[in-house]
Amino acid sequence: MMESLPFNNGQKREQNLSSSVYEAIKNKIINGELMPASILMERTIADEFGVSRTPVREALKRLSQEGWVDWEERRRAVVSEITISKILELFTLREMMEPFAIKKAIEGGHTQILAGQLAAAYEDMEASKDSPVDFMKHDMEFHAAIVHSMKLLSINMMWQKISDDMMRLVMHSVYPRRDTAVILHEHKELIDALWNSDAKKALECIRGHFSVIVDMFKQKRENF
């Protein structure tokens, strides 16, 4: 049997540094500190984090593989653009997943349990309505609770895979176009419908929540 090659301390340190730089840059992209088309200079990033250029290069390579960064001519790294096609792709996926989760809760008689979980996330959203980043994080927690209520590993893994992308897209492309009070109202309507075990209303609420966003970006694409 082949033995795995052990990493020496220097290699482990480089890996840890690369992971730290990767997480830091990704978080800056998600929360808007680094906007689309921002240039990412290896030397500047290395100086900022007090590391060599090697872990920065590895971090940028990983970010590129995951679609957060694009490489331009002369191997210059830039933050990837947010496209309408990407927004529609992810929201169409959610438009299928979340109503299905609500249906499962209704069929299983778990609507009030789910309503309680959503109410907790709703309170956090309401408390952070003046902080866009925190509000969107709690909004994602609200919708994650819906998806996770199905207790289906494959669906949970899919959600985990798209959640960072969703946070960025919502933060930059959806949140600026929607009123916080309207978002809260839509969420409250869904919670109330679940508390009352009103299956028809609950499905109308979740479908309506997504159709507004999908229609908004479809119209934007047509007018481009």
Protein backbone atom coordinates (compact mmCIF):
# COMPACT_ATOMS: atom_id res chain seq x y z
CA MET A 1 0.00 0.00 0.00
CA MET A 2 1.32 3.44 -0.91
CA GLU A 3 2.07 5.80 1.93
CA SER A 4 0.95 9.41 1.66
CA LEU A 5 3.79 11.88 1.59
CA PRO A 6 3.96 13.93 4.79
CA PHE A 7 3.94 17.71 4.50
CA ASN A 8 6.76 19.51 6.22
CA ASN A 9 6.00 22.46 8.48
CA GLY A 10 6.84 24.95 5.73
CA GLN A 11 4.34 23.39 3.32
CA LYS A 12 1.62 23.30 5.97
CA ARG A 13 2.24 26.95 6.77
CA GLU A 14 1.98 27.91 3.09
CA GLN A 15 -1.31 26.00 2.82
CA ASN A 16 -2.72 27.71 5.91
CA LEU A 17 -1.65 31.13 4.65
CA SER A 18 -3.19 30.46 1.25
CA SER A 19 -6.49 29.39 2.87
CA SER A 20 -6.52 32.50 5.06
CA VAL A 21 -5.89 34.80 2.09
CA TYR A 22 -8.54 32.94 0.05
CA GLU A 23 -11.20 33.38 2.77
CA ALA A 24 -10.31 37.04 3.32
CA ILE A 25 -10.52 37.93 -0.38
CA LYS A 26 -13.73 35.94 -0.88
CA ASN A 27 -15.38 37.68 2.08
CA LYS A 28 -14.38 41.06 0.66
CA ILE A 29 -15.94 40.13 -2.68
CA ILE A 30 -19.16 38.94 -1.01
CA ASN A 31 -19.62 41.98 1.23
CA GLY A 32 -18.73 44.49 -1.47
CA GLU A 33 -15.33 45.71 -0.32
CA LEU A 34 -14.05 44.35 -3.62
CA MET A 35 -16.45 45.22 -6.43
CA PRO A 36 -16.75 43.49 -9.83
CA ALA A 37 -13.82 44.34 -12.15
CA SER A 38 -11.60 45.32 -9.19
CA ILE A 39 -7.97 44.50 -10.00
CA LEU A 40 -6.26 42.10 -7.60
CA MET A 41 -2.51 42.74 -7.53
CA GLU A 42 -0.46 39.93 -6.01
CA ARG A 43 2.12 42.27 -4.52
CA THR A 44 -0.50 44.59 -2.98
CA ILE A 45 -2.39 41.67 -1.42
CA ALA A 46 0.83 40.10 -0.15
CA ASP A 47 1.81 43.38 1.52
CA GLU A 48 -1.67 43.79 3.02
CA PHE A 49 -1.59 40.37 4.68
CA GLY A 50 2.13 40.31 5.41
CA VAL A 51 2.78 37.17 3.37
CA SER A 52 4.83 36.20 0.33
CA ARG A 53 3.28 36.17 -3.14
CA THR A 54 3.13 32.36 -3.27
CA PRO A 55 0.08 31.89 -0.97
CA VAL A 56 -1.59 34.86 -2.68
CA ARG A 57 -1.08 33.24 -6.09
CA GLU A 58 -2.54 29.95 -4.81
CA ALA A 59 -5.52 31.77 -3.27
CA LEU A 60 -6.23 33.61 -6.53
CA LYS A 61 -6.00 30.35 -8.47
CA ARG A 62 -8.59 28.77 -6.18
CA LEU A 63 -10.86 31.82 -6.41
CA SER A 64 -10.60 31.65 -10.20
CA GLN A 65 -11.55 27.95 -10.22
CA GLU A 66 -14.66 28.79 -8.17
CA GLY A 67 -15.68 31.70 -10.41
CA TRP A 68 -14.94 34.57 -8.03
CA VAL A 69 -11.99 35.86 -10.06
CA ASP A 70 -11.24 36.11 -13.79
CA TRP A 71 -7.84 36.25 -15.44
CA GLU A 72 -7.33 38.97 -18.03
CA GLU A 73 -4.47 39.53 -20.45
CA ARG A 74 -1.01 39.55 -18.91
CA ARG A 75 -2.40 37.21 -16.23
CA ARG A 76 -4.02 40.07 -14.35
CA ALA A 77 -6.64 38.91 -11.82
CA VAL A 78 -9.91 40.83 -11.52
CA VAL A 79 -13.08 40.25 -9.50
CA SER A 80 -15.63 38.52 -11.76
CA GLU A 81 -18.67 40.38 -13.02
CA ILE A 82 -22.21 39.64 -11.83
CA THR A 83 -24.27 38.69 -14.88
CA ILE A 84 -28.05 38.70 -15.24
CA SER A 85 -27.83 35.12 -16.53
CA LYS A 86 -26.11 34.05 -13.31
CA ILE A 87 -28.72 35.81 -11.18
CA LEU A 88 -31.57 34.16 -13.08
CA GLU A 89 -29.88 30.77 -12.93
CA LEU A 90 -29.53 30.82 -9.14
CA PHE A 91 -32.95 32.31 -8.43
CA THR A 92 -34.62 29.84 -10.79
CA LEU A 93 -32.92 27.05 -8.83
CA ARG A 94 -34.16 28.49 -5.55
CA GLU A 95 -37.60 28.97 -7.09
CA MET A 96 -37.73 25.18 -7.46
CA MET A 97 -36.10 24.22 -4.14
CA GLU A 98 -37.90 26.38 -1.60
CA PRO A 99 -41.54 25.85 -2.64
CA PHE A 100 -40.73 22.12 -2.68
CA ALA A 101 -39.44 22.43 0.91
CA ILE A 102 -42.63 24.24 1.96
CA LYS A 103 -44.68 21.45 0.34
CA LYS A 104 -42.71 18.84 2.30
CA ALA A 105 -43.34 20.72 5.56
CA ILE A 106 -47.06 20.87 4.77
CA GLU A 107 -47.26 17.17 3.87
CA GLY A 108 -45.33 16.21 7.01
CA GLY A 109 -47.39 18.44 9.28
CA HIS A 110 -44.29 20.42 10.29
CA THR A 111 -45.47 23.89 9.31
CA GLN A 112 -45.52 25.31 12.84
CA ILE A 113 -42.05 23.93 13.65
CA LEU A 114 -40.73 25.59 10.49
CA ALA A 115 -42.62 28.79 11.32
CA GLY A 116 -40.85 28.94 14.69
CA GLN A 117 -37.44 28.56 13.04
CA LEU A 118 -38.25 31.24 10.48
CA ALA A 119 -39.58 33.59 13.16
CA ALA A 120 -36.18 33.52 14.90
CA ALA A 121 -34.38 34.42 11.66
CA TYR A 122 -37.00 37.09 10.94
CA GLU A 123 -36.32 38.77 14.30
CA ASP A 124 -32.61 38.91 13.44
CA MET A 125 -33.45 40.43 10.04
CA GLU A 126 -35.66 43.06 11.63
CA ALA A 127 -33.00 43.95 14.20
CA SER A 128 -30.36 44.40 11.49
CA LYS A 129 -32.43 46.23 8.85
CA ASP A 130 -30.08 49.24 8.98
CA SER A 131 -27.02 47.09 8.21
CA PRO A 132 -27.19 45.71 4.64
CA VAL A 133 -24.53 43.03 5.18
CA ASP A 134 -26.06 41.71 8.41
CA PHE A 135 -29.59 41.94 7.01
CA MET A 136 -28.64 39.86 3.98
CA LYS A 137 -26.82 37.29 6.14
CA HIS A 138 -29.93 36.81 8.25
CA ASP A 139 -32.07 36.71 5.10
CA MET A 140 -29.91 33.83 3.84
CA GLU A 141 -30.31 32.12 7.24
CA PHE A 142 -34.09 32.48 6.86
CA HIS A 143 -34.06 30.76 3.48
CA ALA A 144 -31.48 28.18 4.61
CA ALA A 145 -33.92 27.15 7.36
CA ILE A 146 -36.55 26.48 4.69
CA VAL A 147 -34.18 24.32 2.62
CA HIS A 148 -32.72 22.47 5.63
CA SER A 149 -36.19 21.63 6.92
CA MET A 150 -36.33 18.88 4.27
CA LYS A 151 -33.38 17.11 5.93
CA LEU A 152 -32.14 15.94 2.53
CA LEU A 153 -28.34 15.74 2.38
CA SER A 154 -28.03 16.25 -1.38
CA ILE A 155 -30.25 19.36 -1.27
CA ASN A 156 -28.36 20.74 1.74
CA MET A 157 -25.06 20.24 -0.11
CA MET A 158 -26.45 22.04 -3.16
CA TRP A 159 -27.59 24.93 -0.96
CA GLN A 160 -24.17 25.13 0.68
CA LYS A 161 -22.58 25.29 -2.75
CA ILE A 162 -24.69 28.23 -3.94
CA SER A 163 -25.11 30.18 -0.69
CA ASP A 164 -21.92 32.29 -0.98
CA ASP A 165 -22.77 33.13 -4.59
CA MET A 166 -26.30 34.01 -3.51
CA MET A 167 -25.05 36.30 -0.76
CA ARG A 168 -22.97 38.26 -3.25
CA LEU A 169 -25.70 38.44 -5.88
CA VAL A 170 -28.37 39.48 -3.39
CA MET A 171 -26.08 42.03 -1.77
CA HIS A 172 -25.10 43.77 -5.01
CA SER A 173 -27.97 43.14 -7.40
CA VAL A 174 -31.18 42.43 -5.48
CA TYR A 175 -30.97 44.32 -2.19
CA PRO A 176 -30.36 47.76 -3.84
CA ARG A 177 -33.50 47.26 -5.97
CA ARG A 178 -35.87 46.14 -3.19
CA ASP A 179 -37.22 47.93 -0.13
CA THR A 180 -36.24 46.35 3.20
CA ALA A 181 -39.75 46.85 4.57
CA VAL A 182 -41.23 44.97 1.61
CA ILE A 183 -38.80 42.06 2.08
CA LEU A 184 -39.69 41.86 5.77
CA HIS A 185 -43.41 42.00 4.97
CA GLU A 186 -43.12 39.12 2.49
CA HIS A 187 -41.24 37.02 5.05
CA LYS A 188 -43.79 37.81 7.76
CA GLU A 189 -46.65 36.76 5.48
CA LEU A 190 -44.98 33.39 4.92
CA ILE A 191 -44.44 32.87 8.66
CA ASP A 192 -48.07 33.72 9.42
CA ALA A 193 -49.31 31.32 6.75
CA LEU A 194 -47.17 28.52 8.20
CA TRP A 195 -48.33 29.26 11.77
CA ASN A 196 -51.91 28.98 10.55
CA SER A 197 -51.13 25.84 8.51
CA ASP A 198 -52.51 27.66 5.47
CA ALA A 199 -50.87 25.58 2.73
CA LYS A 200 -52.27 27.57 -0.20
CA LYS A 201 -51.18 30.92 1.24
CA ALA A 202 -47.72 29.64 2.22
CA LEU A 203 -47.00 28.43 -1.30
CA GLU A 204 -48.35 31.68 -2.78
CA CYS A 205 -46.02 33.65 -0.49
CA ILE A 206 -42.83 31.77 -1.33
CA ARG A 207 -43.57 31.66 -5.06
CA GLY A 208 -44.51 35.32 -5.12
CA HIS A 209 -41.32 36.25 -3.26
CA PHE A 210 -39.19 34.72 -6.02
CA SER A 211 -41.33 35.62 -9.02
CA VAL A 212 -40.94 39.34 -8.25
CA ILE A 213 -37.15 39.02 -8.38
CA VAL A 214 -37.01 36.70 -11.40
CA ASP A 215 -39.43 38.90 -13.37
CA MET A 216 -37.44 42.01 -12.45
CA PHE A 217 -34.22 40.60 -13.91
CA LYS A 218 -35.91 39.04 -16.94
CA GLN A 219 -37.25 42.48 -17.80
CA LYS A 220 -33.83 44.01 -17.22
CA ARG A 221 -32.27 41.46 -19.60
CA GLU A 222 -34.88 42.19 -22.29
CA ASN A 223 -34.20 45.93 -22.01
CA PHE A 224 -30.45 45.50 -22.24
